[in-house]
Protein backbone atom coordinates (compact mmCIF):
# COMPACT_ATOMS: atom_id res chain seq x y z
CA MET A 1 13.73 -34.58 -101.84
CA LEU A 2 14.63 -31.87 -99.85
CA ARG A 3 11.35 -30.24 -100.73
CA LEU A 4 9.87 -33.09 -99.79
CA ALA A 5 11.49 -33.51 -96.48
CA ALA A 6 10.57 -29.93 -95.56
CA THR A 7 6.96 -30.89 -96.65
CA LYS A 8 6.80 -33.70 -94.57
CA THR A 9 8.28 -32.16 -91.28
CA VAL A 10 5.68 -29.45 -91.73
CA GLY A 11 2.62 -31.79 -92.05
CA LEU A 12 3.59 -33.85 -89.00
CA CYS A 13 3.79 -30.73 -86.59
CA ALA A 14 0.32 -29.95 -88.07
CA ALA A 15 -0.88 -32.89 -87.46
CA ALA A 16 0.58 -33.15 -83.65
CA ALA A 17 -1.20 -30.83 -82.52
CA VAL A 18 -0.43 -32.41 -79.11
CA GLY A 19 3.07 -32.38 -79.18
CA LEU A 20 4.07 -28.70 -80.18
CA ALA A 21 7.07 -29.01 -77.81
CA GLY A 22 8.80 -31.55 -80.18
CA CYS A 23 8.48 -29.15 -83.66
CA GLY A 24 10.64 -26.56 -81.48
CA LEU A 25 7.37 -24.75 -80.61
CA THR A 26 5.92 -24.00 -77.06
CA SER A 27 3.04 -23.57 -75.55
CA PRO A 28 1.63 -20.20 -74.59
CA SER A 29 3.31 -19.36 -71.41
CA LYS A 30 1.06 -19.12 -68.07
CA ALA A 31 -0.34 -15.67 -66.70
CA PRO A 32 1.83 -14.28 -63.55
CA PRO A 33 -0.39 -14.93 -60.64
CA PRO A 34 -1.26 -11.76 -59.21
CA ARG A 35 0.52 -9.90 -56.52
CA PRO A 36 -0.67 -9.15 -53.59
CA SER A 37 -1.66 -5.56 -52.86
CA PRO A 38 0.92 -3.98 -50.12
CA SER A 39 -0.67 -3.59 -46.33
CA PRO A 40 -1.73 0.15 -46.12
CA THR A 41 0.74 2.21 -43.86
CA ALA A 42 -0.88 2.84 -40.41
CA THR A 43 -1.62 6.49 -39.54
CA PRO A 44 0.15 8.04 -37.12
CA THR A 45 -2.04 8.69 -34.17
CA PRO A 46 -1.95 12.65 -33.82
CA LEU A 47 -1.17 13.90 -30.59
CA PRO A 48 -3.45 15.48 -28.57
CA SER A 49 -3.80 19.56 -28.30
CA ALA A 50 -3.19 19.76 -24.67
CA VAL A 51 -2.71 18.19 -21.20
CA THR A 52 -4.09 18.72 -17.79
CA VAL A 53 -2.69 18.21 -13.99
CA LEU A 54 -4.82 16.22 -12.14
CA ALA A 55 -2.73 15.10 -9.36
CA PRO A 56 -3.85 16.91 -6.24
CA ASP A 57 -0.04 18.24 -5.56
CA GLY A 58 1.11 18.95 -9.26
CA VAL A 59 3.57 17.45 -11.13
CA ASN A 60 7.41 18.02 -12.15
CA PHE A 61 8.29 19.58 -14.83
CA ARG A 62 11.47 17.87 -15.96
CA THR A 63 14.17 18.55 -18.59
CA GLY A 64 13.49 15.09 -20.36
CA PRO A 65 11.22 12.29 -20.25
CA SER A 66 12.35 10.86 -17.30
CA ALA A 67 12.67 10.97 -13.55
CA THR A 68 16.32 11.44 -13.23
CA SER A 69 16.15 14.57 -15.18
CA SER A 70 16.46 17.66 -13.79
CA VAL A 71 13.61 19.46 -12.26
CA VAL A 72 13.44 22.64 -13.16
CA GLY A 73 9.28 23.80 -11.80
CA ILE A 74 6.17 22.38 -10.41
CA VAL A 75 2.79 22.37 -12.85
CA ALA A 76 0.14 22.65 -10.71
CA GLN A 77 -3.36 20.89 -10.52
CA GLY A 78 -5.55 22.12 -13.13
CA VAL A 79 -2.80 23.40 -15.34
CA THR A 80 -3.42 22.62 -19.07
CA LEU A 81 -0.14 23.01 -21.08
CA PRO A 82 0.03 23.08 -25.15
CA VAL A 83 1.69 19.39 -26.09
CA LEU A 84 4.77 19.59 -27.83
CA GLY A 85 5.55 15.66 -28.03
CA GLN A 86 5.64 12.67 -26.70
CA SER A 87 7.91 9.80 -25.37
CA ALA A 88 6.71 6.21 -24.03
CA ALA A 89 9.75 6.23 -22.13
CA ALA A 90 9.72 4.98 -18.63
CA GLY A 91 6.01 5.10 -18.12
CA GLY A 92 5.23 7.61 -20.84
CA TRP A 93 5.85 11.50 -20.58
CA TRP A 94 4.53 14.23 -22.38
CA GLU A 95 6.87 17.36 -23.40
CA VAL A 96 4.98 20.64 -22.96
CA LYS A 97 5.23 24.46 -23.62
CA GLY A 98 5.39 26.33 -20.10
CA SER A 99 5.01 30.16 -19.70
CA THR A 100 8.69 30.39 -20.44
CA ALA A 101 10.23 27.17 -21.46
CA THR A 102 9.70 23.81 -23.14
CA GLY A 103 9.75 20.74 -20.65
CA TRP A 104 8.68 17.43 -20.06
CA ILE A 105 5.74 16.17 -17.20
CA THR A 106 4.66 12.89 -16.68
CA ALA A 107 1.78 10.95 -19.05
CA ASN A 108 0.68 8.86 -15.86
CA PRO A 109 -3.24 8.43 -16.90
CA GLU A 110 -3.46 9.26 -12.80
CA ASP A 111 -1.57 12.69 -12.66
CA THR A 112 -2.26 14.16 -16.41
CA SER A 113 -4.75 13.90 -18.86
CA THR A 114 -6.04 15.03 -22.37
CA GLY A 115 -9.41 15.45 -21.21
CA SER A 116 -10.59 18.96 -20.85
CA PHE A 117 -11.75 19.96 -17.15
CA GLN A 118 -12.96 22.81 -14.41
CA SER A 119 -12.21 23.08 -11.11
CA TYR A 120 -15.20 23.38 -8.12
CA ALA A 121 -12.98 24.84 -4.89
CA ALA A 122 -15.71 24.92 -1.84
CA GLY A 123 -14.46 27.61 1.07
CA GLY A 124 -14.23 27.73 4.96
CA SER A 125 -12.12 25.77 7.26
CA SER A 126 -13.43 22.43 5.58
CA ALA A 127 -12.04 23.73 2.21
CA TRP A 128 -11.42 20.85 -0.63
CA SER A 129 -11.41 20.83 -4.00
CA VAL A 130 -11.79 18.75 -7.27
CA LEU A 131 -11.39 18.87 -10.99
CA PHE A 132 -14.59 17.41 -13.25
CA PRO A 133 -14.79 17.65 -17.08
CA THR A 134 -16.18 20.83 -18.34
CA SER A 135 -19.31 19.30 -20.21
CA TRP A 136 -20.46 18.73 -16.43
CA SER A 137 -22.57 21.06 -14.19
CA PHE A 138 -22.55 21.57 -10.70
CA ALA A 139 -24.96 22.40 -7.65
CA GLN A 140 -25.88 22.67 -4.08
CA THR A 141 -28.59 20.91 -2.50
CA SER A 142 -30.47 22.12 0.16
CA SER A 143 -29.18 19.91 2.68
CA GLY A 144 -25.68 21.15 1.89
CA ALA A 145 -24.57 18.29 -0.13
CA ILE A 146 -22.80 18.92 -4.03
CA THR A 147 -24.09 17.74 -6.32
CA PHE A 148 -21.61 17.04 -9.86
CA THR A 149 -23.91 16.17 -13.39
CA ALA A 150 -23.02 14.91 -16.19
CA PRO A 151 -25.18 15.09 -20.07
CA GLY A 152 -25.68 11.83 -19.97
CA GLY A 153 -27.31 11.85 -16.27
CA GLU A 154 -24.36 10.43 -13.57
CA VAL A 155 -24.39 12.00 -10.54
CA ILE A 156 -21.31 12.50 -8.59
CA THR A 157 -22.23 13.51 -4.88
CA VAL A 158 -20.67 14.76 -2.03
CA VAL A 159 -21.51 15.03 1.58
CA GLN A 160 -19.48 16.41 4.36
CA ALA A 161 -19.81 15.74 7.88
CA ALA A 162 -17.72 16.54 11.49
CA THR A 163 -17.22 12.51 11.65
CA VAL A 164 -18.04 9.12 9.87
CA ALA A 165 -20.77 8.48 12.07
CA ASP A 166 -22.48 11.44 11.03
CA LEU A 167 -22.34 10.75 7.37
CA PRO A 168 -25.48 9.33 5.85
CA PRO A 169 -25.51 5.77 4.59
CA GLY A 170 -23.95 5.65 0.74
CA ALA A 171 -27.08 3.45 -0.38
CA PRO A 172 -30.82 3.28 0.26
CA ALA A 173 -31.77 1.37 3.04
CA GLY A 174 -31.68 -2.61 2.41
CA THR A 175 -29.45 -1.97 -1.06
CA GLY A 176 -27.03 -4.88 -1.03
CA GLN A 177 -23.87 -4.56 -1.48
CA LYS A 178 -21.87 -5.80 -4.95
CA SER A 179 -18.42 -5.86 -4.29
CA VAL A 180 -15.96 -3.69 -1.94
CA GLY A 181 -12.30 -2.79 -2.81
CA SER A 182 -9.71 -0.12 -1.51
CA VAL A 183 -9.32 3.28 -3.18
CA ASP A 184 -6.75 6.07 -2.23
CA VAL A 185 -8.06 9.63 -1.87
CA TYR A 186 -5.34 12.23 -1.31
CA GLY A 187 -3.65 10.24 1.09
CA ILE A 188 -6.20 8.00 2.26
CA THR A 189 -6.95 4.78 1.86
CA THR A 190 -10.64 3.93 1.94
CA SER A 191 -13.08 0.89 1.14
CA LEU A 192 -14.87 1.47 -1.85
CA VAL A 193 -18.38 0.18 -1.73
CA THR A 194 -19.86 -0.86 -5.18
CA TYR A 195 -23.82 -1.78 -4.84
CA SER A 196 -26.30 -4.33 -6.39
CA THR A 197 -29.38 -2.11 -8.21
CA SER A 198 -31.69 -1.80 -11.28
CA THR A 199 -31.13 1.10 -12.39
CA GLY A 200 -27.76 1.03 -12.99
CA TYR A 201 -24.20 1.90 -11.59
CA LEU A 202 -23.72 2.92 -7.41
CA ALA A 203 -20.67 3.47 -5.61
CA ALA A 204 -19.52 5.23 -2.66
CA VAL A 205 -16.12 5.58 -0.36
CA ALA A 206 -16.39 7.25 3.15
CA PHE A 207 -13.71 8.42 5.54
CA GLN A 208 -12.32 10.59 7.66
CA ALA A 209 -10.04 13.21 5.95
CA VAL A 210 -8.97 15.26 8.96
CA PRO A 211 -10.30 15.64 12.78
CA GLY A 212 -13.85 17.04 12.10
CA LEU A 213 -14.02 16.59 8.59
CA ALA A 214 -15.31 13.49 7.05
CA PHE A 215 -16.72 12.65 3.35
CA LEU A 216 -19.34 10.73 1.57
CA ILE A 217 -18.73 10.25 -1.98
CA THR A 218 -21.15 8.74 -4.31
CA ASP A 219 -21.77 7.95 -7.87
CA ARG A 220 -24.87 6.82 -9.52
CA ALA A 221 -25.00 6.09 -13.07
CA PRO A 222 -26.83 4.73 -16.09
CA GLU A 223 -23.84 2.85 -16.58
CA ALA A 224 -20.86 0.58 -15.20
CA THR A 225 -18.47 2.93 -17.07
CA ALA A 226 -19.21 5.75 -15.06
CA ALA A 227 -16.29 3.73 -12.97
CA GLN A 228 -13.91 5.14 -15.12
CA ASP A 229 -15.03 9.25 -14.47
CA PHE A 230 -15.43 8.59 -10.35
CA SER A 231 -11.67 7.33 -10.65
CA VAL A 232 -10.46 10.75 -12.03
CA PHE A 233 -12.80 12.77 -9.55
CA LEU A 234 -11.35 10.65 -6.67
CA ASP A 235 -7.66 10.92 -8.04
CA THR A 236 -8.46 14.81 -8.18
CA PHE A 237 -10.16 15.08 -4.86
CA LYS A 238 -8.27 17.62 -2.61
CA PHE A 239 -8.80 18.38 0.91
CA PRO A 240 -6.66 20.47 4.06
CA LEU A 241 -3.36 18.11 4.59
CA PRO A 242 0.21 19.30 4.68
CA ALA A 243 1.35 19.50 1.03
CA SER A 244 3.19 16.27 -0.57
CA SER A 245 5.33 15.80 -2.96
CA PRO A 246 4.75 16.27 -6.88
CA SER A 247 4.17 13.22 -9.17
CA PRO A 248 7.34 12.30 -10.41
């Protein structure tokens, strides 16, 4: 009887293919869901190799990344220093290596830049200077204007005269104004006028720098992105004035 009972049990299990669990058997387990792939780790942005001072009167060289840190020197406009580190504190700072010490200078893009620049300085009683990218060239026209030309066709022109009234117009006759804003050029606030043209970007500023010396600075370019280059040019433009304090 034990043998028959065992036979019946086996028979029932064989016949009930859908009831395996009742015979002490289980259905094959499901495969585990695939695990999500780990997100790739962001690659840190590499530090630039060097930074150049744009501020006309230089920037303070401090012992730490803060405007309250001790000032140990001044880095003049146009000086390029190797970058050792960076801090996002208080507006951003670069740790740089000077000739005899390491320290910190501001990372404000109006005062410093990781781009590569060269300097132009006009001589004589109406001396002025400016920084412009190393890939650009400069030349003097027959009228005495100085032109700075980028490889892509952008041209910034500087014209000087005794007074603003003696300067030529900022755009050809009949050219309509597109917008009028304000800009600071070495401590003097003046109008920045952009014009409507079919050839790209055209902007101009005209101002009386000191008695007997006025400037017209124009920018022509194929694209409106030139406004950024023009902004850096105006930020670094310097003319005879009593020196002011360096940037923080």
